[in-house]
Each structure stands twice: as structure tokens, then as C-alpha cells.
């Protein structure tokens, strides 16, 4: 239980990729972390691309980055919505400024791009947003998981075991 007593923030909005949300959240909980699911509204049900529901604990504006050791952004179509919220961008920038681990997978790189924190980082993602990452100044590579300083990036659901392990390891290293 390497993350016992620690809190991790996870963003959500409609059409998150079901596996990309649940697998890391369950792995973080398995490691002892408390994961707060945060969306546009508190105590609201959001649905994954395949219909799996998830209820938020808080709204974006209700949380403070200093209360958490890391941030998780799942993929799917949710990141295209998430990057439009000022509080999402503010929180992402605050986690980054504090050098706290930020994990993103698949299309979630869009949130980090909109927060303007990817320039100079080596990252991976679904190939569909490779150009977006490169145009924002990141170096894109085709690997199952990439850890560059405080940003952990993954490509897609088959990479979730390596990606989730890398995120737990980064969080453990941050607190250790």
C-alpha cells in the first residue's frame, strides 16, 4: 500500500474511455490512494464511451491542487471537453508548476496541450494527436509508456498495465 493516505485527482467528463478511466483508478486504489473523481458538476453521473457510469466526488472549482500528490487525465472524447474549462487548465498548470506527477493517456494530451505544459517534453499518445503534441512543442514517440520528468504518458488501452505501473511508481517517488 505504497500510496496509503495519499490523494490523487482524476478528471472526468462525458465520453471518457471506460478502460482508460477505470484501470488506473482501480490500480491507484489498490496501491492505497484515495482517488477523487472531479468533473464539471459534483455528485453527477458521467458516462464512458461504452456507457459505464461514474459519479463525481467534486466539481473542478471545489478542489485545490495542493491537496493532491498527482493528477490523472483519461482518454476518450472527454479530453476535448475538459480542455475547455478554465479550472481544468488552472489545476493542470498548478500540478505542473509543483512538479507533481501528471498522467495522461490516449487523447488526454489535449488537456496538457491546452494548459501549455508539453513544450520540451518527450511524450506518447494515440497516433491521432501526434501532430497536436508536436505542434505544441513535444517530442512524440511510439512507446507504450513514456516518463519525462513529471509527465507520464500512454498510448491506448493495451498499454494500461505498464502505464498504470509507471504512474504509481512516479507518485511513490514523488512522496518518497
Protein backbone atom coordinates (compact mmCIF):
# COMPACT_ATOMS: atom_id res chain seq x y z
CA UNK A 1 0.00 0.00 0.00
CA UNK A 2 2.67 2.42 -1.13
CA UNK A 3 0.17 5.30 -1.56
CA UNK A 4 -1.78 4.82 1.68
CA UNK A 5 -3.16 8.09 2.98
CA UNK A 6 -2.38 9.98 -0.25
CA UNK A 7 -4.89 11.62 -2.61
CA UNK A 8 -4.92 11.66 -6.41
CA UNK A 9 -7.19 13.81 -8.57
CA UNK A 10 -8.83 12.36 -11.71
CA UNK A 11 -10.68 14.48 -14.26
CA UNK A 12 -13.85 13.23 -15.94
CA UNK A 13 -16.44 14.39 -18.44
CA UNK A 14 -18.83 12.62 -20.78
CA UNK A 15 -17.41 10.02 -23.18
CA UNK A 16 -14.25 9.16 -21.25
CA UNK A 17 -12.65 5.94 -22.44
CA UNK A 18 -14.03 3.41 -19.96
CA UNK A 19 -10.92 1.25 -19.56
CA UNK A 20 -8.61 4.23 -19.50
CA UNK A 21 -10.55 5.66 -16.58
CA UNK A 22 -11.25 2.57 -14.53
CA UNK A 23 -7.99 0.61 -14.85
CA UNK A 24 -5.70 3.36 -13.45
CA UNK A 25 -8.25 4.42 -10.82
CA UNK A 26 -8.55 0.85 -9.55
CA UNK A 27 -4.78 0.39 -9.63
CA UNK A 28 -4.28 3.62 -7.63
CA UNK A 29 -6.88 2.49 -5.09
CA UNK A 30 -5.19 -0.89 -4.92
CA UNK A 31 -1.96 0.93 -4.02
CA UNK A 32 -3.81 2.66 -1.18
CA UNK A 33 -4.52 6.06 -2.74
CA UNK A 34 -7.80 7.90 -2.38
CA UNK A 35 -8.86 8.93 -5.88
CA UNK A 36 -11.26 11.83 -6.17
CA UNK A 37 -13.22 11.94 -9.41
CA UNK A 38 -13.72 15.57 -10.44
CA UNK A 39 -15.92 16.87 -13.23
CA UNK A 40 -17.96 19.88 -14.29
CA UNK A 41 -20.51 19.18 -11.53
CA UNK A 42 -20.23 17.38 -8.19
CA UNK A 43 -22.30 14.28 -7.39
CA UNK A 44 -23.16 13.86 -11.07
CA UNK A 45 -23.08 10.72 -13.19
CA UNK A 46 -20.92 10.83 -16.33
CA UNK A 47 -20.79 8.03 -18.88
CA UNK A 48 -17.91 6.44 -20.70
CA UNK A 49 -17.86 5.84 -24.45
CA UNK A 50 -19.26 2.37 -23.81
CA UNK A 51 -21.83 3.50 -21.26
CA UNK A 52 -20.06 2.71 -17.98
CA UNK A 53 -21.21 5.29 -15.40
CA UNK A 54 -19.00 7.17 -12.98
CA UNK A 55 -20.15 9.61 -10.29
CA UNK A 56 -18.08 12.67 -9.46
CA UNK A 57 -16.94 13.45 -5.95
CA UNK A 58 -16.40 17.15 -6.60
CA UNK A 59 -16.65 19.86 -9.26
CA UNK A 60 -13.46 21.31 -10.76
CA UNK A 61 -13.82 24.54 -8.80
CA UNK A 62 -14.23 22.69 -5.48
CA UNK A 63 -10.72 21.21 -5.32
CA UNK A 64 -7.24 22.55 -4.63
CA UNK A 65 -4.14 21.09 -6.28
CA UNK A 66 -2.16 21.35 -3.05
CA UNK A 67 -4.41 18.66 -1.51
CA UNK A 68 -3.24 16.04 -4.02
CA UNK A 69 0.02 14.31 -4.94
CA UNK A 70 -0.87 13.70 -8.58
CA UNK A 71 -3.28 14.24 -11.44
CA UNK A 72 -4.79 11.70 -13.81
CA UNK A 73 -6.41 12.59 -17.15
CA UNK A 74 -8.10 9.69 -19.00
CA UNK A 75 -8.57 9.50 -22.74
CA UNK A 76 -11.60 9.06 -24.93
CA UNK A 77 -13.52 12.08 -26.15
CA UNK A 78 -13.68 13.65 -22.68
CA UNK A 79 -10.33 15.48 -23.05
CA UNK A 80 -11.75 17.56 -25.89
CA UNK A 81 -14.40 18.78 -23.45
CA UNK A 82 -12.10 19.02 -20.42
CA UNK A 83 -9.63 21.37 -22.08
CA UNK A 84 -12.37 24.00 -22.43
CA UNK A 85 -12.76 24.51 -18.67
CA UNK A 86 -10.63 27.26 -17.13
CA UNK A 87 -10.45 25.35 -13.81
CA UNK A 88 -9.11 22.23 -15.56
CA UNK A 89 -6.34 24.24 -17.19
CA UNK A 90 -5.56 26.08 -13.95
CA UNK A 91 -5.37 22.86 -11.94
CA UNK A 92 -3.22 21.16 -14.60
CA UNK A 93 -0.83 24.13 -14.60
CA UNK A 94 -0.67 24.12 -10.79
CA UNK A 95 0.21 20.41 -10.67
CA UNK A 96 2.86 21.02 -13.29
CA UNK A 97 4.34 24.08 -11.54
CA UNK A 98 4.68 21.96 -8.38
CA UNK A 99 6.36 19.17 -10.42
CA UNK A 100 3.70 16.71 -9.24
CA UNK A 101 3.13 13.63 -11.41
CA UNK A 102 0.58 14.13 -14.19
CA UNK A 103 -0.51 11.02 -16.09
CA UNK A 104 -2.35 11.17 -19.39
CA UNK A 105 -3.25 8.54 -21.95
CA UNK A 106 -4.62 8.42 -25.48
CA UNK A 107 -6.35 11.75 -26.33
CA UNK A 108 -5.74 13.21 -22.85
CA UNK A 109 -2.68 15.01 -24.18
CA UNK A 110 -5.13 17.61 -25.48
CA UNK A 111 -5.63 18.83 -21.90
CA UNK A 112 -1.90 19.24 -21.34
CA UNK A 113 -1.53 20.95 -24.72
CA UNK A 114 -4.27 23.45 -23.85
CA UNK A 115 -2.61 24.01 -20.45
CA UNK A 116 0.56 24.83 -22.41
CA UNK A 117 2.83 22.47 -20.46
CA UNK A 118 4.11 20.00 -23.09
CA UNK A 119 6.83 22.00 -24.83
CA UNK A 120 10.19 20.27 -24.49
CA UNK A 121 8.73 17.01 -23.15
CA UNK A 122 9.02 13.61 -24.79
CA UNK A 123 5.56 12.04 -24.83
CA UNK A 124 3.39 9.40 -26.40
CA UNK A 125 -0.33 9.27 -27.16
CA UNK A 126 -2.74 7.79 -29.60
CA UNK A 127 -1.25 8.50 -33.06
CA UNK A 128 -4.31 10.65 -33.78
CA UNK A 129 -2.97 13.54 -31.70
CA UNK A 130 0.71 13.14 -32.58
CA UNK A 131 0.64 16.29 -34.73
CA UNK A 132 -1.08 18.25 -31.95
CA UNK A 133 1.63 17.29 -29.43
CA UNK A 134 4.43 18.03 -31.88
CA UNK A 135 2.88 21.37 -32.87
CA UNK A 136 2.74 22.25 -29.15
CA UNK A 137 6.48 21.56 -28.82
CA UNK A 138 6.57 17.98 -27.52
CA UNK A 139 8.72 15.22 -28.99
CA UNK A 140 6.37 12.34 -29.85
CA UNK A 141 7.48 8.69 -29.65
CA UNK A 142 5.58 5.47 -30.28
CA UNK A 143 6.03 3.62 -26.96
CA UNK A 144 3.57 2.04 -24.52
CA UNK A 145 4.53 4.48 -21.78
CA UNK A 146 6.87 7.47 -21.55
CA UNK A 147 8.01 9.14 -18.35
CA UNK A 148 9.63 12.53 -18.82
CA UNK A 149 10.15 14.36 -15.56
CA UNK A 150 6.66 14.71 -14.03
CA UNK A 151 4.60 13.76 -17.10
CA UNK A 152 3.65 10.12 -17.63
CA UNK A 153 2.04 9.41 -21.00
CA UNK A 154 0.50 6.32 -22.56
CA UNK A 155 -0.94 5.40 -25.95
CA UNK A 156 -4.09 3.29 -25.56
CA UNK A 157 -5.87 0.57 -23.50
CA UNK A 158 -3.45 -2.32 -24.25
CA UNK A 159 -0.71 -0.22 -22.63
CA UNK A 160 -2.62 0.29 -19.36
CA UNK A 161 -0.60 -2.20 -17.25
CA UNK A 162 2.75 -0.51 -17.99
CA UNK A 163 1.20 2.97 -17.92
CA UNK A 164 -0.53 2.46 -14.56
CA UNK A 165 2.61 0.97 -13.01
CA UNK A 166 4.66 3.93 -14.21
CA UNK A 167 2.14 6.35 -12.68
CA UNK A 168 2.11 4.55 -9.31
CA UNK A 169 5.93 4.46 -9.37
CA UNK A 170 6.09 8.20 -10.15
CA UNK A 171 3.68 9.00 -7.31
CA UNK A 172 5.64 6.80 -4.92
CA UNK A 173 8.87 8.51 -5.98
CA UNK A 174 7.29 11.93 -5.51
CA UNK A 175 6.30 11.23 -1.91
CA UNK A 176 9.31 9.06 -1.08
